[in-house]
Amino acid sequence: MSEHYNQKYSEDEIKSFLEKVKDCIREDKFIVSTNENRQENIDFINEYNLTNQRQKEILLSLEVEDLCHSLQNTNIGFEYEVLYVFCPQITLHDIDDLEEIIDIYIKFNLIERQNGNRTIIISFHKRNRPIDYLFR
């Protein structure tokens, strides 16, 4: 595991964090990045026909046990952000309606502001690298 990954969390800390994130999801104060730099997200969403509602269901199903680690954002101008990586196993149907159990790599941050929180989902695709779970 990279020295830049943080796994120094208690289950209660992550539970509290996830509640804030899920509040954002329920209130539609989230976005899954689908810009030109996020082709992997676009391909995954299209391959499994993941409507906005289905994406929301997947995000709301995140559990403390799905946490892998956090890391500091290294993009210029966003160095203050902490990114969290979760990897739930979800049953999905592909475009041929074949059922698969997929490890979904989800990396996101929680932006906390006085006028309300929001969540930015940076990565939302099949797991493409080895991961270590913190609480499994």
N, C-alpha and C. Protein backbone atom coordinates (compact mmCIF):
# COMPACT_ATOMS: atom_id res chain seq x y z
N MET A 1 0.83 -1.17 0.00
CA MET A 1 0.00 0.00 0.00
C MET A 1 0.88 1.25 0.00
N SER A 2 0.44 2.27 -0.68
CA SER A 2 1.21 3.51 -0.80
C SER A 2 1.35 4.20 0.56
N GLU A 3 2.49 4.82 0.76
CA GLU A 3 2.72 5.58 1.99
C GLU A 3 1.79 6.79 2.09
N HIS A 4 1.18 7.17 0.98
CA HIS A 4 0.30 8.34 0.97
C HIS A 4 -1.14 8.00 1.38
N TYR A 5 -1.43 6.71 1.52
CA TYR A 5 -2.77 6.27 1.89
C TYR A 5 -2.93 6.33 3.41
N ASN A 6 -4.06 6.83 3.86
CA ASN A 6 -4.34 6.93 5.28
C ASN A 6 -5.39 5.89 5.66
N GLN A 7 -5.08 5.06 6.63
CA GLN A 7 -6.05 4.11 7.16
C GLN A 7 -6.21 4.29 8.67
N LYS A 8 -5.91 5.48 9.16
CA LYS A 8 -5.99 5.74 10.60
C LYS A 8 -7.36 6.32 10.95
N TYR A 9 -8.36 5.45 10.90
CA TYR A 9 -9.73 5.86 11.21
C TYR A 9 -10.37 4.83 12.13
N SER A 10 -11.30 5.31 12.93
CA SER A 10 -12.13 4.39 13.70
C SER A 10 -13.40 4.14 12.89
N GLU A 11 -14.08 3.07 13.22
CA GLU A 11 -15.34 2.78 12.53
C GLU A 11 -16.35 3.90 12.78
N ASP A 12 -16.37 4.47 13.99
CA ASP A 12 -17.29 5.56 14.30
C ASP A 12 -17.01 6.80 13.45
N GLU A 13 -15.73 7.10 13.23
CA GLU A 13 -15.38 8.26 12.39
C GLU A 13 -15.91 8.07 10.97
N ILE A 14 -15.74 6.89 10.44
CA ILE A 14 -16.18 6.64 9.07
C ILE A 14 -17.70 6.59 9.01
N LYS A 15 -18.34 6.05 10.02
CA LYS A 15 -19.80 6.03 10.06
C LYS A 15 -20.35 7.45 10.03
N SER A 16 -19.79 8.32 10.83
CA SER A 16 -20.21 9.73 10.87
C SER A 16 -19.96 10.41 9.52
N PHE A 17 -18.78 10.16 8.94
CA PHE A 17 -18.45 10.72 7.63
C PHE A 17 -19.44 10.24 6.57
N LEU A 18 -19.72 8.94 6.56
CA LEU A 18 -20.64 8.37 5.56
C LEU A 18 -22.04 8.95 5.70
N GLU A 19 -22.47 9.25 6.91
CA GLU A 19 -23.80 9.85 7.09
C GLU A 19 -23.87 11.22 6.41
N LYS A 20 -22.82 12.01 6.53
CA LYS A 20 -22.78 13.32 5.85
C LYS A 20 -22.82 13.13 4.33
N VAL A 21 -22.05 12.16 3.85
CA VAL A 21 -22.02 11.88 2.41
C VAL A 21 -23.40 11.43 1.94
N LYS A 22 -24.01 10.52 2.67
CA LYS A 22 -25.32 10.00 2.28
C LYS A 22 -26.39 11.08 2.35
N ASP A 23 -26.26 12.03 3.26
CA ASP A 23 -27.18 13.17 3.27
C ASP A 23 -27.08 13.94 1.95
N CYS A 24 -25.86 14.15 1.48
CA CYS A 24 -25.65 14.83 0.19
C CYS A 24 -26.31 14.03 -0.93
N ILE A 25 -26.13 12.72 -0.92
CA ILE A 25 -26.67 11.87 -1.97
C ILE A 25 -28.20 11.96 -1.97
N ARG A 26 -28.80 11.81 -0.78
CA ARG A 26 -30.26 11.86 -0.67
C ARG A 26 -30.82 13.21 -1.13
N GLU A 27 -30.06 14.28 -0.89
CA GLU A 27 -30.50 15.63 -1.24
C GLU A 27 -30.08 16.03 -2.66
N ASP A 28 -29.56 15.08 -3.43
CA ASP A 28 -29.07 15.34 -4.79
C ASP A 28 -28.00 16.43 -4.84
N LYS A 29 -27.16 16.47 -3.81
CA LYS A 29 -26.05 17.41 -3.77
C LYS A 29 -24.75 16.65 -4.02
N PHE A 30 -24.74 15.93 -5.15
CA PHE A 30 -23.58 15.15 -5.54
C PHE A 30 -23.52 15.12 -7.06
N ILE A 31 -22.34 14.80 -7.54
CA ILE A 31 -22.15 14.63 -8.98
C ILE A 31 -21.13 13.52 -9.19
N VAL A 32 -21.37 12.70 -10.20
CA VAL A 32 -20.38 11.71 -10.63
C VAL A 32 -19.66 12.33 -11.82
N SER A 33 -18.35 12.48 -11.70
CA SER A 33 -17.57 13.13 -12.75
C SER A 33 -17.62 12.33 -14.05
N THR A 34 -18.03 13.01 -15.11
CA THR A 34 -18.08 12.39 -16.44
C THR A 34 -17.47 13.32 -17.48
N ASN A 35 -16.43 14.05 -17.07
CA ASN A 35 -15.78 14.93 -18.02
C ASN A 35 -14.81 14.14 -18.90
N GLU A 36 -14.09 14.82 -19.77
CA GLU A 36 -13.21 14.14 -20.72
C GLU A 36 -12.08 13.36 -20.04
N ASN A 37 -11.77 13.69 -18.80
CA ASN A 37 -10.73 12.97 -18.07
C ASN A 37 -11.26 11.74 -17.33
N ARG A 38 -12.54 11.49 -17.45
CA ARG A 38 -13.19 10.41 -16.69
C ARG A 38 -13.89 9.41 -17.60
N GLN A 39 -13.22 9.04 -18.67
CA GLN A 39 -13.79 8.10 -19.64
C GLN A 39 -14.14 6.77 -18.99
N GLU A 40 -13.33 6.33 -18.04
CA GLU A 40 -13.58 5.06 -17.36
C GLU A 40 -14.94 5.09 -16.63
N ASN A 41 -15.26 6.23 -16.03
CA ASN A 41 -16.57 6.39 -15.38
C ASN A 41 -17.69 6.30 -16.42
N ILE A 42 -17.52 7.00 -17.50
CA ILE A 42 -18.54 7.03 -18.57
C ILE A 42 -18.78 5.63 -19.11
N ASP A 43 -17.69 4.92 -19.41
CA ASP A 43 -17.80 3.57 -19.97
C ASP A 43 -18.51 2.63 -18.99
N PHE A 44 -18.18 2.73 -17.72
CA PHE A 44 -18.79 1.88 -16.71
C PHE A 44 -20.30 2.17 -16.58
N ILE A 45 -20.64 3.43 -16.52
CA ILE A 45 -22.06 3.83 -16.41
C ILE A 45 -22.84 3.33 -17.62
N ASN A 46 -22.25 3.45 -18.81
CA ASN A 46 -22.93 3.00 -20.02
C ASN A 46 -23.01 1.47 -20.10
N GLU A 47 -21.93 0.78 -19.74
CA GLU A 47 -21.91 -0.68 -19.83
C GLU A 47 -22.97 -1.33 -18.96
N TYR A 48 -23.24 -0.73 -17.81
CA TYR A 48 -24.21 -1.30 -16.87
C TYR A 48 -25.51 -0.49 -16.79
N ASN A 49 -25.67 0.42 -17.75
CA ASN A 49 -26.89 1.24 -17.83
C ASN A 49 -27.25 1.82 -16.46
N LEU A 50 -26.29 2.47 -15.85
CA LEU A 50 -26.48 3.00 -14.50
C LEU A 50 -27.10 4.40 -14.58
N THR A 51 -28.41 4.40 -14.45
CA THR A 51 -29.14 5.67 -14.42
C THR A 51 -28.71 6.46 -13.20
N ASN A 52 -29.07 7.71 -13.15
CA ASN A 52 -28.77 8.54 -11.99
C ASN A 52 -29.36 7.90 -10.73
N GLN A 53 -30.56 7.36 -10.83
CA GLN A 53 -31.20 6.71 -9.68
C GLN A 53 -30.40 5.49 -9.22
N ARG A 54 -29.92 4.69 -10.16
CA ARG A 54 -29.14 3.50 -9.79
C ARG A 54 -27.79 3.90 -9.19
N GLN A 55 -27.17 4.93 -9.73
CA GLN A 55 -25.92 5.43 -9.16
C GLN A 55 -26.16 5.86 -7.70
N LYS A 56 -27.25 6.54 -7.49
CA LYS A 56 -27.62 7.01 -6.16
C LYS A 56 -27.81 5.82 -5.21
N GLU A 57 -28.49 4.78 -5.67
CA GLU A 57 -28.70 3.58 -4.85
C GLU A 57 -27.37 2.93 -4.46
N ILE A 58 -26.46 2.86 -5.41
CA ILE A 58 -25.15 2.28 -5.13
C ILE A 58 -24.41 3.11 -4.08
N LEU A 59 -24.43 4.41 -4.25
CA LEU A 59 -23.74 5.29 -3.30
C LEU A 59 -24.38 5.23 -1.92
N LEU A 60 -25.68 5.14 -1.86
CA LEU A 60 -26.37 5.05 -0.57
C LEU A 60 -26.15 3.71 0.11
N SER A 61 -25.70 2.72 -0.64
CA SER A 61 -25.46 1.40 -0.06
C SER A 61 -24.06 1.27 0.53
N LEU A 62 -23.23 2.29 0.41
CA LEU A 62 -21.87 2.22 0.96
C LEU A 62 -21.92 1.95 2.46
N GLU A 63 -21.02 1.08 2.89
CA GLU A 63 -20.92 0.70 4.30
C GLU A 63 -19.52 1.02 4.82
N VAL A 64 -19.40 1.16 6.11
CA VAL A 64 -18.10 1.40 6.74
C VAL A 64 -17.08 0.36 6.27
N GLU A 65 -17.50 -0.90 6.16
CA GLU A 65 -16.60 -1.99 5.77
C GLU A 65 -16.08 -1.87 4.34
N ASP A 66 -16.68 -1.00 3.54
CA ASP A 66 -16.24 -0.81 2.15
C ASP A 66 -15.05 0.15 2.03
N LEU A 67 -14.69 0.80 3.14
CA LEU A 67 -13.59 1.77 3.10
C LEU A 67 -12.26 1.07 2.85
N CYS A 68 -11.49 1.65 1.95
CA CYS A 68 -10.12 1.18 1.71
C CYS A 68 -9.13 2.12 2.38
N HIS A 69 -9.18 3.40 2.04
CA HIS A 69 -8.25 4.39 2.58
C HIS A 69 -8.69 5.79 2.17
N SER A 70 -7.98 6.77 2.66
CA SER A 70 -8.11 8.13 2.15
C SER A 70 -6.74 8.57 1.67
N LEU A 71 -6.70 9.67 0.95
CA LEU A 71 -5.45 10.24 0.50
C LEU A 71 -5.65 11.73 0.24
N GLN A 72 -4.59 12.46 0.28
CA GLN A 72 -4.65 13.89 0.03
C GLN A 72 -4.74 14.12 -1.48
N ASN A 73 -5.63 15.02 -1.90
CA ASN A 73 -5.72 15.38 -3.31
C ASN A 73 -4.41 16.07 -3.70
N THR A 74 -3.84 15.68 -4.83
CA THR A 74 -2.57 16.29 -5.28
C THR A 74 -2.77 17.24 -6.44
N ASN A 75 -4.00 17.42 -6.89
CA ASN A 75 -4.25 18.33 -8.01
C ASN A 75 -4.10 19.78 -7.54
N ILE A 76 -3.43 20.58 -8.36
CA ILE A 76 -3.17 21.97 -8.03
C ILE A 76 -4.49 22.70 -7.79
N GLY A 77 -4.54 23.39 -6.67
CA GLY A 77 -5.74 24.13 -6.28
C GLY A 77 -6.70 23.33 -5.42
N PHE A 78 -6.45 22.03 -5.29
CA PHE A 78 -7.34 21.17 -4.50
C PHE A 78 -6.58 20.40 -3.43
N GLU A 79 -5.38 20.86 -3.10
CA GLU A 79 -4.52 20.16 -2.16
C GLU A 79 -5.13 20.03 -0.76
N TYR A 80 -6.08 20.87 -0.45
CA TYR A 80 -6.73 20.86 0.87
C TYR A 80 -7.77 19.74 0.98
N GLU A 81 -8.12 19.10 -0.12
CA GLU A 81 -9.17 18.08 -0.12
C GLU A 81 -8.62 16.70 0.26
N VAL A 82 -9.42 15.98 1.02
CA VAL A 82 -9.12 14.59 1.34
C VAL A 82 -10.06 13.74 0.50
N LEU A 83 -9.50 12.78 -0.21
CA LEU A 83 -10.27 11.87 -1.06
C LEU A 83 -10.40 10.53 -0.35
N TYR A 84 -11.58 9.96 -0.40
CA TYR A 84 -11.85 8.68 0.25
C TYR A 84 -12.12 7.63 -0.82
N VAL A 85 -11.55 6.44 -0.62
CA VAL A 85 -11.74 5.34 -1.56
C VAL A 85 -12.52 4.23 -0.86
N PHE A 86 -13.64 3.86 -1.49
CA PHE A 86 -14.46 2.75 -1.04
C PHE A 86 -14.56 1.77 -2.20
N CYS A 87 -14.76 0.51 -1.87
CA CYS A 87 -14.87 -0.49 -2.93
C CYS A 87 -15.94 -1.53 -2.56
N PRO A 88 -17.21 -1.17 -2.78
CA PRO A 88 -18.28 -2.13 -2.49
C PRO A 88 -18.37 -3.19 -3.58
N GLN A 89 -18.93 -4.32 -3.22
CA GLN A 89 -19.23 -5.37 -4.20
C GLN A 89 -20.73 -5.31 -4.45
N ILE A 90 -21.09 -5.05 -5.70
CA ILE A 90 -22.48 -4.82 -6.07
C ILE A 90 -22.86 -5.75 -7.23
N THR A 91 -24.06 -6.29 -7.17
CA THR A 91 -24.57 -7.10 -8.28
C THR A 91 -25.17 -6.16 -9.32
N LEU A 92 -24.66 -6.26 -10.53
CA LEU A 92 -25.13 -5.43 -11.64
C LEU A 92 -25.48 -6.31 -12.83
N HIS A 93 -26.22 -5.72 -13.76
CA HIS A 93 -26.55 -6.41 -15.02
C HIS A 93 -25.92 -5.62 -16.16
N ASP A 94 -25.20 -6.33 -17.03
CA ASP A 94 -24.59 -5.65 -18.16
C ASP A 94 -25.62 -5.43 -19.27
N ILE A 95 -25.17 -4.90 -20.39
CA ILE A 95 -26.11 -4.56 -21.46
C ILE A 95 -26.79 -5.79 -22.07
N ASP A 96 -26.21 -6.97 -21.86
CA ASP A 96 -26.85 -8.22 -22.32
C ASP A 96 -27.70 -8.84 -21.22
N ASP A 97 -27.90 -8.11 -20.14
CA ASP A 97 -28.68 -8.53 -18.97
C ASP A 97 -28.06 -9.70 -18.22
N LEU A 98 -26.74 -9.86 -18.36
CA LEU A 98 -26.04 -10.87 -17.59
C LEU A 98 -25.68 -10.30 -16.23
N GLU A 99 -25.95 -11.08 -15.20
CA GLU A 99 -25.70 -10.63 -13.84
C GLU A 99 -24.24 -10.86 -13.47
N GLU A 100 -23.64 -9.85 -12.84
CA GLU A 100 -22.24 -9.93 -12.40
C GLU A 100 -22.12 -9.30 -11.03
N ILE A 101 -21.22 -9.82 -10.23
CA ILE A 101 -20.85 -9.15 -8.98
C ILE A 101 -19.59 -8.35 -9.27
N ILE A 102 -19.69 -7.05 -9.09
CA ILE A 102 -18.62 -6.14 -9.49
C ILE A 102 -18.05 -5.44 -8.26
N ASP A 103 -16.72 -5.37 -8.19
CA ASP A 103 -16.06 -4.49 -7.22
C ASP A 103 -16.04 -3.10 -7.85
N ILE A 104 -16.74 -2.17 -7.23
CA ILE A 104 -16.80 -0.82 -7.78
C ILE A 104 -15.82 0.07 -7.00
N TYR A 105 -14.89 0.66 -7.74
CA TYR A 105 -13.91 1.57 -7.16
C TYR A 105 -14.55 2.96 -7.14
N ILE A 106 -14.78 3.46 -5.94
CA ILE A 106 -15.43 4.77 -5.79
C ILE A 106 -14.51 5.67 -4.98
N LYS A 107 -14.07 6.76 -5.60
CA LYS A 107 -13.21 7.75 -4.92
C LYS A 107 -13.95 9.07 -4.93
N PHE A 108 -14.08 9.68 -3.76
CA PHE A 108 -14.84 10.93 -3.68
C PHE A 108 -14.35 11.79 -2.53
N ASN A 109 -14.85 13.01 -2.54
CA ASN A 109 -14.58 13.90 -1.42
C ASN A 109 -15.89 14.52 -0.94
N LEU A 110 -15.84 15.02 0.25
CA LEU A 110 -16.97 15.72 0.85
C LEU A 110 -16.55 17.16 1.01
N ILE A 111 -17.27 18.05 0.35
CA ILE A 111 -16.98 19.48 0.45
C ILE A 111 -17.95 20.04 1.50
N GLU A 112 -17.40 20.46 2.61
CA GLU A 112 -18.24 21.00 3.69
C GLU A 112 -18.16 22.52 3.68
N ARG A 113 -19.31 23.14 3.53
CA ARG A 113 -19.41 24.60 3.49
C ARG A 113 -20.55 25.06 4.39
N GLN A 114 -20.52 26.30 4.79
CA GLN A 114 -21.58 26.84 5.65
C GLN A 114 -22.94 26.79 4.97
N ASN A 115 -22.95 26.98 3.66
CA ASN A 115 -24.22 26.99 2.93
C ASN A 115 -24.65 25.59 2.48
N GLY A 116 -23.98 24.57 2.99
CA GLY A 116 -24.37 23.19 2.67
C GLY A 116 -23.23 22.37 2.12
N ASN A 117 -23.30 21.08 2.38
CA ASN A 117 -22.27 20.15 1.91
C ASN A 117 -22.62 19.62 0.53
N ARG A 118 -21.59 19.12 -0.16
CA ARG A 118 -21.79 18.41 -1.42
C ARG A 118 -20.70 17.38 -1.57
N THR A 119 -20.96 16.41 -2.41
CA THR A 119 -20.02 15.31 -2.62
C THR A 119 -19.68 15.23 -4.10
N ILE A 120 -18.40 15.13 -4.39
CA ILE A 120 -17.92 14.98 -5.77
C ILE A 120 -17.36 13.57 -5.91
N ILE A 121 -17.98 12.78 -6.79
CA ILE A 121 -17.52 11.42 -7.06
C ILE A 121 -16.52 11.52 -8.21
N ILE A 122 -15.26 11.28 -7.91
CA ILE A 122 -14.21 11.42 -8.91
C ILE A 122 -14.05 10.14 -9.71
N SER A 123 -14.06 9.01 -9.03
CA SER A 123 -13.94 7.71 -9.70
C SER A 123 -15.15 6.86 -9.36
N PHE A 124 -15.72 6.24 -10.40
CA PHE A 124 -16.91 5.39 -10.25
C PHE A 124 -16.85 4.38 -11.38
N HIS A 125 -16.10 3.28 -11.13
CA HIS A 125 -15.87 2.30 -12.19
C HIS A 125 -15.46 0.97 -11.57
N LYS A 126 -15.27 -0.03 -12.41
CA LYS A 126 -14.77 -1.32 -11.93
C LYS A 126 -13.40 -1.12 -11.30
N ARG A 127 -13.17 -1.88 -10.24
CA ARG A 127 -11.86 -1.83 -9.59
C ARG A 127 -10.80 -2.23 -10.61
N ASN A 128 -9.76 -1.42 -10.70
CA ASN A 128 -8.70 -1.67 -11.69
C ASN A 128 -7.32 -1.74 -11.05
N ARG A 129 -7.31 -1.89 -9.72
CA ARG A 129 -6.05 -2.00 -9.00
C ARG A 129 -6.29 -2.76 -7.71
N PRO A 130 -5.23 -3.30 -7.14
CA PRO A 130 -5.40 -4.01 -5.87
C PRO A 130 -5.82 -3.02 -4.77
N ILE A 131 -6.62 -3.48 -3.85
CA ILE A 131 -7.05 -2.63 -2.74
C ILE A 131 -6.95 -3.42 -1.43
N ASP A 132 -6.87 -2.67 -0.37
CA ASP A 132 -6.89 -3.25 0.98
C ASP A 132 -8.03 -2.57 1.72
N TYR A 133 -8.89 -3.38 2.32
CA TYR A 133 -9.97 -2.83 3.12
C TYR A 133 -9.47 -2.57 4.54
N LEU A 134 -9.93 -1.51 5.15
CA LEU A 134 -9.53 -1.20 6.51
C LEU A 134 -10.25 -2.04 7.55
N PHE A 135 -11.54 -2.28 7.34
CA PHE A 135 -12.35 -2.93 8.38
C PHE A 135 -12.80 -4.34 8.02
N ARG A 136 -12.18 -4.97 7.05
CA ARG A 136 -12.54 -6.35 6.70
C ARG A 136 -11.44 -7.28 7.10
